[in-house]
Amino acid sequence: KLTEVSYSDIKTEVANWFPQATSHGGIATVKVTRTS
């Protein structure tokens, strides 16, 4: 029922970045725009 899936024009925008969010690494909130 499904032949092919691909993605193009992938663009990311980092809304915020918190390097101290955990003791084992930070957490970023990201907006991702893509065309399926």
Full PDB file with SEQRES, HELIX, SHEET, SSBOND, CRYST1, ORIGX, SCALE, CONECT and MASTER records, all heavy atoms in Angstrom:
SEQRES   1 A   36  LYS LEU THR GLU VAL SER TYR SER ASP ILE LYS THR GLU          
SEQRES   2 A   36  VAL ALA ASN TRP PHE PRO GLN ALA THR SER HIS GLY GLY          
SEQRES   3 A   36  ILE ALA THR VAL LYS VAL THR ARG THR SER                      
SHEET    1 AA1 2 SER A   8  THR A  22  0                                        
SHEET    2 AA1 2 GLY A  25  THR A  35 -1                                        
CRYST1    1.000    1.000    1.000  90.00  90.00  90.00 P 1           1          
ORIGX1      1.000000  0.000000  0.000000        0.00000                         
ORIGX2      0.000000  1.000000  0.000000        0.00000                         
ORIGX3      0.000000  0.000000  1.000000        0.00000                         
SCALE1      1.000000  0.000000  0.000000        0.00000                         
SCALE2      0.000000  1.000000  0.000000        0.00000                         
SCALE3      0.000000  0.000000  1.000000        0.00000                         
ATOM      1  N   LYS A   1       0.809  -1.213   0.000  1.00  0.00           N  
ATOM      2  CA  LYS A   1       0.000   0.000   0.000  1.00  0.00           C  
ATOM      3  C   LYS A   1       0.850   1.274   0.000  1.00  0.00           C  
ATOM      4  O   LYS A   1       0.323   2.366  -0.179  1.00  0.00           O  
ATOM      5  CB  LYS A   1      -0.924   0.016   1.223  1.00  0.00           C  
ATOM      6  CG  LYS A   1      -1.900  -1.162   1.286  1.00  0.00           C  
ATOM      7  CD  LYS A   1      -2.718  -1.108   2.567  1.00  0.00           C  
ATOM      8  CE  LYS A   1      -3.667  -2.279   2.665  1.00  0.00           C  
ATOM      9  NZ  LYS A   1      -4.447  -2.268   3.934  1.00  0.00           N  
ATOM     10  N   LEU A   2       2.134   1.115   0.229  1.00  0.00           N  
ATOM     11  CA  LEU A   2       3.030   2.259   0.334  1.00  0.00           C  
ATOM     12  C   LEU A   2       4.311   1.923  -0.429  1.00  0.00           C  
ATOM     13  O   LEU A   2       4.937   0.893  -0.172  1.00  0.00           O  
ATOM     14  CB  LEU A   2       3.342   2.557   1.807  1.00  0.00           C  
ATOM     15  CG  LEU A   2       4.178   3.787   2.140  1.00  0.00           C  
ATOM     16  CD1 LEU A   2       3.489   5.057   1.664  1.00  0.00           C  
ATOM     17  CD2 LEU A   2       4.433   3.860   3.650  1.00  0.00           C  
ATOM     18  N   THR A   3       4.695   2.795  -1.366  1.00  0.00           N  
ATOM     19  CA  THR A   3       5.833   2.506  -2.240  1.00  0.00           C  
ATOM     20  C   THR A   3       7.101   3.251  -1.834  1.00  0.00           C  
ATOM     21  O   THR A   3       8.192   2.680  -1.818  1.00  0.00           O  
ATOM     22  CB  THR A   3       5.483   2.879  -3.694  1.00  0.00           C  
ATOM     23  OG1 THR A   3       4.285   2.206  -4.076  1.00  0.00           O  
ATOM     24  CG2 THR A   3       6.611   2.504  -4.639  1.00  0.00           C  
ATOM     25  N   GLU A   4       6.936   4.516  -1.511  1.00  0.00           N  
ATOM     26  CA  GLU A   4       8.119   5.342  -1.281  1.00  0.00           C  
ATOM     27  C   GLU A   4       7.789   6.478  -0.317  1.00  0.00           C  
ATOM     28  O   GLU A   4       6.706   7.062  -0.383  1.00  0.00           O  
ATOM     29  CB  GLU A   4       8.618   5.912  -2.618  1.00  0.00           C  
ATOM     30  CG  GLU A   4       9.928   6.652  -2.550  1.00  0.00           C  
ATOM     31  CD  GLU A   4      10.404   7.078  -3.927  1.00  0.00           C  
ATOM     32  OE1 GLU A   4       9.819   6.630  -4.934  1.00  0.00           O  
ATOM     33  OE2 GLU A   4      11.367   7.877  -3.991  1.00  0.00           O  
ATOM     34  N   VAL A   5       8.725   6.789   0.579  1.00  0.00           N  
ATOM     35  CA  VAL A   5       8.611   7.940   1.488  1.00  0.00           C  
ATOM     36  C   VAL A   5       9.975   8.632   1.530  1.00  0.00           C  
ATOM     37  O   VAL A   5      11.001   7.976   1.740  1.00  0.00           O  
ATOM     38  CB  VAL A   5       8.200   7.521   2.919  1.00  0.00           C  
ATOM     39  CG1 VAL A   5       8.165   8.750   3.837  1.00  0.00           C  
ATOM     40  CG2 VAL A   5       6.858   6.815   2.931  1.00  0.00           C  
ATOM     41  N   SER A   6       9.991   9.915   1.328  1.00  0.00           N  
ATOM     42  CA  SER A   6      11.238  10.670   1.449  1.00  0.00           C  
ATOM     43  C   SER A   6      10.935  12.047   2.034  1.00  0.00           C  
ATOM     44  O   SER A   6       9.788  12.482   2.066  1.00  0.00           O  
ATOM     45  CB  SER A   6      11.928  10.809   0.085  1.00  0.00           C  
ATOM     46  OG  SER A   6      11.126  11.575  -0.796  1.00  0.00           O  
ATOM     47  N   TYR A   7      11.991  12.708   2.496  1.00  0.00           N  
ATOM     48  CA  TYR A   7      11.845  14.027   3.116  1.00  0.00           C  
ATOM     49  C   TYR A   7      12.848  14.985   2.480  1.00  0.00           C  
ATOM     50  O   TYR A   7      13.988  14.624   2.191  1.00  0.00           O  
ATOM     51  CB  TYR A   7      12.079  13.948   4.621  1.00  0.00           C  
ATOM     52  CG  TYR A   7      11.033  13.126   5.330  1.00  0.00           C  
ATOM     53  CD1 TYR A   7      11.195  11.745   5.475  1.00  0.00           C  
ATOM     54  CD2 TYR A   7       9.870  13.695   5.830  1.00  0.00           C  
ATOM     55  CE1 TYR A   7      10.228  10.970   6.103  1.00  0.00           C  
ATOM     56  CE2 TYR A   7       8.902  12.935   6.457  1.00  0.00           C  
ATOM     57  CZ  TYR A   7       9.087  11.570   6.586  1.00  0.00           C  
ATOM     58  OH  TYR A   7       8.127  10.813   7.206  1.00  0.00           O  
ATOM     59  N   SER A   8      12.420  16.205   2.279  1.00  0.00           N  
ATOM     60  CA  SER A   8      13.285  17.221   1.672  1.00  0.00           C  
ATOM     61  C   SER A   8      13.127  18.544   2.403  1.00  0.00           C  
ATOM     62  O   SER A   8      12.212  18.707   3.223  1.00  0.00           O  
ATOM     63  CB  SER A   8      12.936  17.389   0.185  1.00  0.00           C  
ATOM     64  OG  SER A   8      11.571  17.752   0.022  1.00  0.00           O  
ATOM     65  N   ASP A   9      14.037  19.483   2.102  1.00  0.00           N  
ATOM     66  CA  ASP A   9      13.996  20.837   2.679  1.00  0.00           C  
ATOM     67  C   ASP A   9      13.892  20.799   4.202  1.00  0.00           C  
ATOM     68  O   ASP A   9      13.046  21.469   4.812  1.00  0.00           O  
ATOM     69  CB  ASP A   9      12.823  21.635   2.096  1.00  0.00           C  
ATOM     70  CG  ASP A   9      12.916  21.760   0.578  1.00  0.00           C  
ATOM     71  OD1 ASP A   9      14.033  21.948   0.082  1.00  0.00           O  
ATOM     72  OD2 ASP A   9      11.879  21.646  -0.087  1.00  0.00           O  
ATOM     73  N   ILE A  10      14.766  20.004   4.823  1.00  0.00           N  
ATOM     74  CA  ILE A  10      14.761  19.878   6.283  1.00  0.00           C  
ATOM     75  C   ILE A  10      15.478  21.084   6.892  1.00  0.00           C  
ATOM     76  O   ILE A  10      16.648  21.331   6.602  1.00  0.00           O  
ATOM     77  CB  ILE A  10      15.448  18.571   6.716  1.00  0.00           C  
ATOM     78  CG1 ILE A  10      14.727  17.369   6.106  1.00  0.00           C  
ATOM     79  CG2 ILE A  10      15.500  18.471   8.237  1.00  0.00           C  
ATOM     80  CD1 ILE A  10      15.509  16.072   6.190  1.00  0.00           C  
ATOM     81  N   LYS A  11      14.768  21.822   7.715  1.00  0.00           N  
ATOM     82  CA  LYS A  11      15.346  23.001   8.362  1.00  0.00           C  
ATOM     83  C   LYS A  11      15.045  22.939   9.864  1.00  0.00           C  
ATOM     84  O   LYS A  11      13.923  22.628  10.267  1.00  0.00           O  
ATOM     85  CB  LYS A  11      14.771  24.295   7.773  1.00  0.00           C  
ATOM     86  CG  LYS A  11      15.088  24.493   6.293  1.00  0.00           C  
ATOM     87  CD  LYS A  11      14.486  25.801   5.786  1.00  0.00           C  
ATOM     88  CE  LYS A  11      14.848  26.038   4.320  1.00  0.00           C  
ATOM     89  NZ  LYS A  11      14.252  25.008   3.434  1.00  0.00           N  
ATOM     90  N   THR A  12      16.040  23.229  10.669  1.00  0.00           N  
ATOM     91  CA  THR A  12      15.865  23.203  12.119  1.00  0.00           C  
ATOM     92  C   THR A  12      16.119  24.587  12.708  1.00  0.00           C  
ATOM     93  O   THR A  12      16.986  25.325  12.254  1.00  0.00           O  
ATOM     94  CB  THR A  12      16.824  22.192  12.778  1.00  0.00           C  
ATOM     95  OG1 THR A  12      18.185  22.549  12.472  1.00  0.00           O  
ATOM     96  CG2 THR A  12      16.550  20.781  12.286  1.00  0.00           C  
ATOM     97  N   GLU A  13      15.338  24.894  13.733  1.00  0.00           N  
ATOM     98  CA  GLU A  13      15.508  26.148  14.478  1.00  0.00           C  
ATOM     99  C   GLU A  13      15.507  25.809  15.959  1.00  0.00           C  
ATOM    100  O   GLU A  13      14.522  25.274  16.488  1.00  0.00           O  
ATOM    101  CB  GLU A  13      14.367  27.122  14.171  1.00  0.00           C  
ATOM    102  CG  GLU A  13      14.449  28.420  14.958  1.00  0.00           C  
ATOM    103  CD  GLU A  13      13.226  29.292  14.795  1.00  0.00           C  
ATOM    104  OE1 GLU A  13      12.375  28.989  13.929  1.00  0.00           O  
ATOM    105  OE2 GLU A  13      13.101  30.272  15.551  1.00  0.00           O  
ATOM    106  N   VAL A  14      16.625  26.080  16.624  1.00  0.00           N  
ATOM    107  CA  VAL A  14      16.740  25.773  18.046  1.00  0.00           C  
ATOM    108  C   VAL A  14      16.066  26.890  18.835  1.00  0.00           C  
ATOM    109  O   VAL A  14      16.567  28.022  18.890  1.00  0.00           O  
ATOM    110  CB  VAL A  14      18.213  25.611  18.468  1.00  0.00           C  
ATOM    111  CG1 VAL A  14      18.302  25.211  19.938  1.00  0.00           C  
ATOM    112  CG2 VAL A  14      18.912  24.579  17.590  1.00  0.00           C  
ATOM    113  N   ALA A  15      14.918  26.569  19.432  1.00  0.00           N  
ATOM    114  CA  ALA A  15      14.169  27.575  20.192  1.00  0.00           C  
ATOM    115  C   ALA A  15      14.875  27.903  21.502  1.00  0.00           C  
ATOM    116  O   ALA A  15      14.931  29.067  21.917  1.00  0.00           O  
ATOM    117  CB  ALA A  15      12.755  27.082  20.458  1.00  0.00           C  
ATOM    118  N   ASN A  16      15.409  26.890  22.178  1.00  0.00           N  
ATOM    119  CA  ASN A  16      16.201  27.127  23.384  1.00  0.00           C  
ATOM    120  C   ASN A  16      17.110  25.936  23.645  1.00  0.00           C  
ATOM    121  O   ASN A  16      16.871  24.827  23.168  1.00  0.00           O  
ATOM    122  CB  ASN A  16      15.327  27.434  24.612  1.00  0.00           C  
ATOM    123  CG  ASN A  16      14.243  26.398  24.826  1.00  0.00           C  
ATOM    124  OD1 ASN A  16      14.511  25.214  24.956  1.00  0.00           O  
ATOM    125  ND2 ASN A  16      12.994  26.843  24.864  1.00  0.00           N  
ATOM    126  N   TRP A  17      18.171  26.201  24.392  1.00  0.00           N  
ATOM    127  CA  TRP A  17      19.180  25.184  24.698  1.00  0.00           C  
ATOM    128  C   TRP A  17      19.582  25.347  26.152  1.00  0.00           C  
ATOM    129  O   TRP A  17      20.024  26.411  26.572  1.00  0.00           O  
ATOM    130  CB  TRP A  17      20.393  25.336  23.776  1.00  0.00           C  
ATOM    131  CG  TRP A  17      21.659  24.666  24.202  1.00  0.00           C  
ATOM    132  CD1 TRP A  17      22.867  25.265  24.435  1.00  0.00           C  
ATOM    133  CD2 TRP A  17      21.878  23.268  24.442  1.00  0.00           C  
ATOM    134  NE1 TRP A  17      23.805  24.337  24.793  1.00  0.00           N  
ATOM    135  CE2 TRP A  17      23.227  23.100  24.802  1.00  0.00           C  
ATOM    136  CE3 TRP A  17      21.043  22.146  24.391  1.00  0.00           C  
ATOM    137  CZ2 TRP A  17      23.772  21.853  25.112  1.00  0.00           C  
ATOM    138  CZ3 TRP A  17      21.579  20.900  24.699  1.00  0.00           C  
ATOM    139  CH2 TRP A  17      22.920  20.756  25.048  1.00  0.00           C  
ATOM    140  N   PHE A  18      19.406  24.258  26.925  1.00  0.00           N  
ATOM    141  CA  PHE A  18      19.711  24.285  28.353  1.00  0.00           C  
ATOM    142  C   PHE A  18      20.787  23.237  28.640  1.00  0.00           C  
ATOM    143  O   PHE A  18      20.485  22.054  28.844  1.00  0.00           O  
ATOM    144  CB  PHE A  18      18.451  24.017  29.171  1.00  0.00           C  
ATOM    145  CG  PHE A  18      17.374  25.052  28.971  1.00  0.00           C  
ATOM    146  CD1 PHE A  18      16.198  24.730  28.316  1.00  0.00           C  
ATOM    147  CD2 PHE A  18      17.542  26.341  29.441  1.00  0.00           C  
ATOM    148  CE1 PHE A  18      15.201  25.681  28.130  1.00  0.00           C  
ATOM    149  CE2 PHE A  18      16.554  27.304  29.261  1.00  0.00           C  
ATOM    150  CZ  PHE A  18      15.386  26.972  28.602  1.00  0.00           C  
ATOM    151  N   PRO A  19      22.058  23.639  28.659  1.00  0.00           N  
ATOM    152  CA  PRO A  19      23.145  22.674  28.834  1.00  0.00           C  
ATOM    153  C   PRO A  19      23.179  22.004  30.199  1.00  0.00           C  
ATOM    154  O   PRO A  19      23.770  20.932  30.356  1.00  0.00           O  
ATOM    155  CB  PRO A  19      24.407  23.515  28.594  1.00  0.00           C  
ATOM    156  CG  PRO A  19      23.991  24.930  28.795  1.00  0.00           C  
ATOM    157  CD  PRO A  19      22.558  25.004  28.391  1.00  0.00           C  
ATOM    158  N   GLN A  20      22.539  22.607  31.214  1.00  0.00           N  
ATOM    159  CA  GLN A  20      22.549  22.036  32.568  1.00  0.00           C  
ATOM    160  C   GLN A  20      21.269  21.258  32.884  1.00  0.00           C  
ATOM    161  O   GLN A  20      21.012  20.937  34.039  1.00  0.00           O  
ATOM    162  CB  GLN A  20      22.706  23.164  33.595  1.00  0.00           C  
ATOM    163  CG  GLN A  20      23.967  23.980  33.453  1.00  0.00           C  
ATOM    164  CD  GLN A  20      25.200  23.227  33.915  1.00  0.00           C  
ATOM    165  OE1 GLN A  20      25.105  22.204  34.562  1.00  0.00           O  
ATOM    166  NE2 GLN A  20      26.363  23.747  33.580  1.00  0.00           N  
ATOM    167  N   ALA A  21      20.478  20.942  31.870  1.00  0.00           N  
ATOM    168  CA  ALA A  21      19.161  20.342  32.116  1.00  0.00           C  
ATOM    169  C   ALA A  21      19.234  19.036  32.890  1.00  0.00           C  
ATOM    170  O   ALA A  21      18.359  18.726  33.697  1.00  0.00           O  
ATOM    171  CB  ALA A  21      18.428  20.129  30.795  1.00  0.00           C  
ATOM    172  N   THR A  22      20.270  18.219  32.654  1.00  0.00           N  
ATOM    173  CA  THR A  22      20.466  16.983  33.414  1.00  0.00           C  
ATOM    174  C   THR A  22      21.935  16.874  33.779  1.00  0.00           C  
ATOM    175  O   THR A  22      22.782  17.591  33.227  1.00  0.00           O  
ATOM    176  CB  THR A  22      20.055  15.724  32.607  1.00  0.00           C  
ATOM    177  OG1 THR A  22      21.102  15.398  31.685  1.00  0.00           O  
ATOM    178  CG2 THR A  22      18.742  15.925  31.857  1.00  0.00           C  
ATOM    179  N   SER A  23      22.249  15.957  34.659  1.00  0.00           N  
ATOM    180  CA  SER A  23      23.646  15.742  35.047  1.00  0.00           C  
ATOM    181  C   SER A  23      24.403  14.988  33.973  1.00  0.00           C  
ATOM    182  O   SER A  23      25.615  14.812  34.080  1.00  0.00           O  
ATOM    183  CB  SER A  23      23.706  14.966  36.372  1.00  0.00           C  
ATOM    184  OG  SER A  23      23.058  13.715  36.230  1.00  0.00           O  
ATOM    185  N   HIS A  24      23.701  14.529  32.945  1.00  0.00           N  
ATOM    186  CA  HIS A  24      24.347  13.749  31.883  1.00  0.00           C  
ATOM    187  C   HIS A  24      24.098  14.371  30.511  1.00  0.00           C  
ATOM    188  O   HIS A  24      24.120  13.672  29.499  1.00  0.00           O  
ATOM    189  CB  HIS A  24      23.856  12.296  31.917  1.00  0.00           C  
ATOM    190  CG  HIS A  24      22.367  12.158  32.062  1.00  0.00           C  
ATOM    191  ND1 HIS A  24      21.511  12.173  31.002  1.00  0.00           N  
ATOM    192  CD2 HIS A  24      21.591  12.020  33.179  1.00  0.00           C  
ATOM    193  CE1 HIS A  24      20.263  12.041  31.441  1.00  0.00           C  
ATOM    194  NE2 HIS A  24      20.284  11.952  32.756  1.00  0.00           N  
ATOM    195  N   GLY A  25      23.848  15.678  30.475  1.00  0.00           N  
ATOM    196  CA  GLY A  25      23.702  16.354  29.186  1.00  0.00           C  
ATOM    197  C   GLY A  25      22.523  17.289  29.130  1.00  0.00           C  
ATOM    198  O   GLY A  25      21.569  17.170  29.902  1.00  0.00           O  
ATOM    199  N   GLY A  26      22.577  18.218  28.174  1.00  0.00           N  
ATOM    200  CA  GLY A  26      21.553  19.242  28.061  1.00  0.00           C  
ATOM    201  C   GLY A  26      20.364  18.828  27.209  1.00  0.00           C  
ATOM    202  O   GLY A  26      20.348  17.742  26.619  1.00  0.00           O  
ATOM    203  N   ILE A  27      19.360  19.711  27.158  1.00  0.00           N  
ATOM    204  CA  ILE A  27      18.144  19.474  26.386  1.00  0.00           C  
ATOM    205  C   ILE A  27      17.841  20.726  25.565  1.00  0.00           C  
ATOM    206  O   ILE A  27      17.892  21.842  26.076  1.00  0.00           O  
ATOM    207  CB  ILE A  27      16.946  19.136  27.295  1.00  0.00           C  
ATOM    208  CG1 ILE A  27      17.181  17.804  28.007  1.00  0.00           C  
ATOM    209  CG2 ILE A  27      15.652  19.068  26.485  1.00  0.00           C  
ATOM    210  CD1 ILE A  27      16.097  17.435  28.995  1.00  0.00           C  
ATOM    211  N   ALA A  28      17.534  20.520  24.282  1.00  0.00           N  
ATOM    212  CA  ALA A  28      17.160  21.615  23.393  1.00  0.00           C  
ATOM    213  C   ALA A  28      15.735  21.412  22.914  1.00  0.00           C  
ATOM    214  O   ALA A  28      15.294  20.281  22.687  1.00  0.00           O  
ATOM    215  CB  ALA A  28      18.104  21.686  22.198  1.00  0.00           C  
ATOM    216  N   THR A  29      15.004  22.515  22.770  1.00  0.00           N  
ATOM    217  CA  THR A  29      13.701  22.494  22.106  1.00  0.00           C  
ATOM    218  C   THR A  29      13.923  22.979  20.680  1.00  0.00           C  
ATOM    219  O   THR A  29      14.521  24.029  20.472  1.00  0.00           O  
ATOM    220  CB  THR A  29      12.698  23.398  22.830  1.00  0.00           C  
ATOM    221  OG1 THR A  29      12.585  22.973  24.196  1.00  0.00           O  
ATOM    222  CG2 THR A  29      11.333  23.319  22.172  1.00  0.00           C  
ATOM    223  N   VAL A  30      13.446  22.196  19.722  1.00  0.00           N  
ATOM    224  CA  VAL A  30      13.763  22.450  18.320  1.00  0.00           C  
ATOM    225  C   VAL A  30      12.492  22.455  17.474  1.00  0.00           C  
ATOM    226  O   VAL A  30      11.643  21.568  17.612  1.00  0.00           O  
ATOM    227  CB  VAL A  30      14.722  21.366  17.766  1.00  0.00           C  
ATOM    228  CG1 VAL A  30      15.175  21.726  16.353  1.00  0.00           C  
ATOM    229  CG2 VAL A  30      15.919  21.184  18.674  1.00  0.00           C  
ATOM    230  N   LYS A  31      12.371  23.443  16.600  1.00  0.00           N  
ATOM    231  CA  LYS A  31      11.316  23.458  15.599  1.00  0.00           C  
ATOM    232  C   LYS A  31      11.895  22.919  14.289  1.00  0.00           C  
ATOM    233  O   LYS A  31      12.914  23.423  13.810  1.00  0.00           O  
ATOM    234  CB  LYS A  31      10.778  24.873  15.403  1.00  0.00           C  
ATOM    235  CG  LYS A  31      10.040  25.417  16.623  1.00  0.00           C  
ATOM    236  CD  LYS A  31       9.510  26.820  16.376  1.00  0.00           C  
ATOM    237  CE  LYS A  31       8.765  27.341  17.601  1.00  0.00           C  
ATOM    238  NZ  LYS A  31       8.265  28.722  17.396  1.00  0.00           N  
ATOM    239  N   VAL A  32      11.249  21.891  13.761  1.00  0.00           N  
ATOM    240  CA  VAL A  32      11.746  21.237  12.547  1.00  0.00           C  
ATOM    241  C   VAL A  32      10.715  21.383  11.433  1.00  0.00           C  
ATOM    242  O   VAL A  32       9.564  20.969  11.593  1.00  0.00           O  
ATOM    243  CB  VAL A  32      12.035  19.742  12.799  1.00  0.00           C  
ATOM    244  CG1 VAL A  32      12.592  19.094  11.543  1.00  0.00           C  
ATOM    245  CG2 VAL A  32      12.995  19.561  13.967  1.00  0.00           C  
ATOM    246  N   THR A  33      11.138  21.971  10.334  1.00  0.00           N  
ATOM    247  CA  THR A  33      10.286  22.092   9.151  1.00  0.00           C  
ATOM    248  C   THR A  33      10.816  21.142   8.083  1.00  0.00           C  
ATOM    249  O   THR A  33      12.028  21.118   7.822  1.00  0.00           O  
ATOM    250  CB  THR A  33      10.289  23.524   8.610  1.00  0.00           C  
ATOM    251  OG1 THR A  33       9.847  24.414   9.636  1.00  0.00           O  
ATOM    252  CG2 THR A  33       9.369  23.657   7.402  1.00  0.00           C  
ATOM    253  N   ARG A  34       9.918  20.348   7.512  1.00  0.00           N  
ATOM    254  CA  ARG A  34      10.332  19.431   6.463  1.00  0.00           C  
ATOM    255  C   ARG A  34       9.172  19.164   5.519  1.00  0.00           C  
ATOM    256  O   ARG A  34       8.003  19.329   5.878  1.00  0.00           O  
ATOM    257  CB  ARG A  34      10.880  18.123   7.049  1.00  0.00           C  
ATOM    258  CG  ARG A  34       9.886  17.033   7.336  1.00  0.00           C  
ATOM    259  CD  ARG A  34       8.863  17.356   8.399  1.00  0.00           C  
ATOM    260  NE  ARG A  34       7.942  16.266   8.649  1.00  0.00           N  
ATOM    261  CZ  ARG A  34       6.803  16.058   7.984  1.00  0.00           C  
ATOM    262  NH1 ARG A  34       6.470  16.849   7.004  1.00  0.00           N  
ATOM    263  NH2 ARG A  34       6.017  15.056   8.289  1.00  0.00           N  
ATOM    264  N   THR A  35       9.493  18.755   4.299  1.00  0.00           N  
ATOM    265  CA  THR A  35       8.483  18.395   3.311  1.00  0.00           C  
ATOM    266  C   THR A  35       8.507  16.882   3.125  1.00  0.00           C  
ATOM    267  O   THR A  35       9.571  16.307   2.858  1.00  0.00           O  
ATOM    268  CB  THR A  35       8.749  19.091   1.971  1.00  0.00           C  
ATOM    269  OG1 THR A  35       8.690  20.507   2.163  1.00  0.00           O  
ATOM    270  CG2 THR A  35       7.720  18.675   0.930  1.00  0.00           C  
ATOM    271  N   SER A  36       7.359  16.244   3.314  1.00  0.00           N  
ATOM    272  CA  SER A  36       7.266  14.795   3.119  1.00  0.00           C  
ATOM    273  C   SER A  36       6.747  14.509   1.717  1.00  0.00           C  
ATOM    274  O   SER A  36       5.842  15.182   1.224  1.00  0.00           O  
ATOM    275  CB  SER A  36       6.340  14.170   4.166  1.00  0.00           C  
ATOM    276  OG  SER A  36       5.021  14.638   4.021  1.00  0.00           O  
TER     277      SER A  36                                                      
MASTER        0    0    0    0    2    0    0    6  276    1    0    3          
END                                                                             
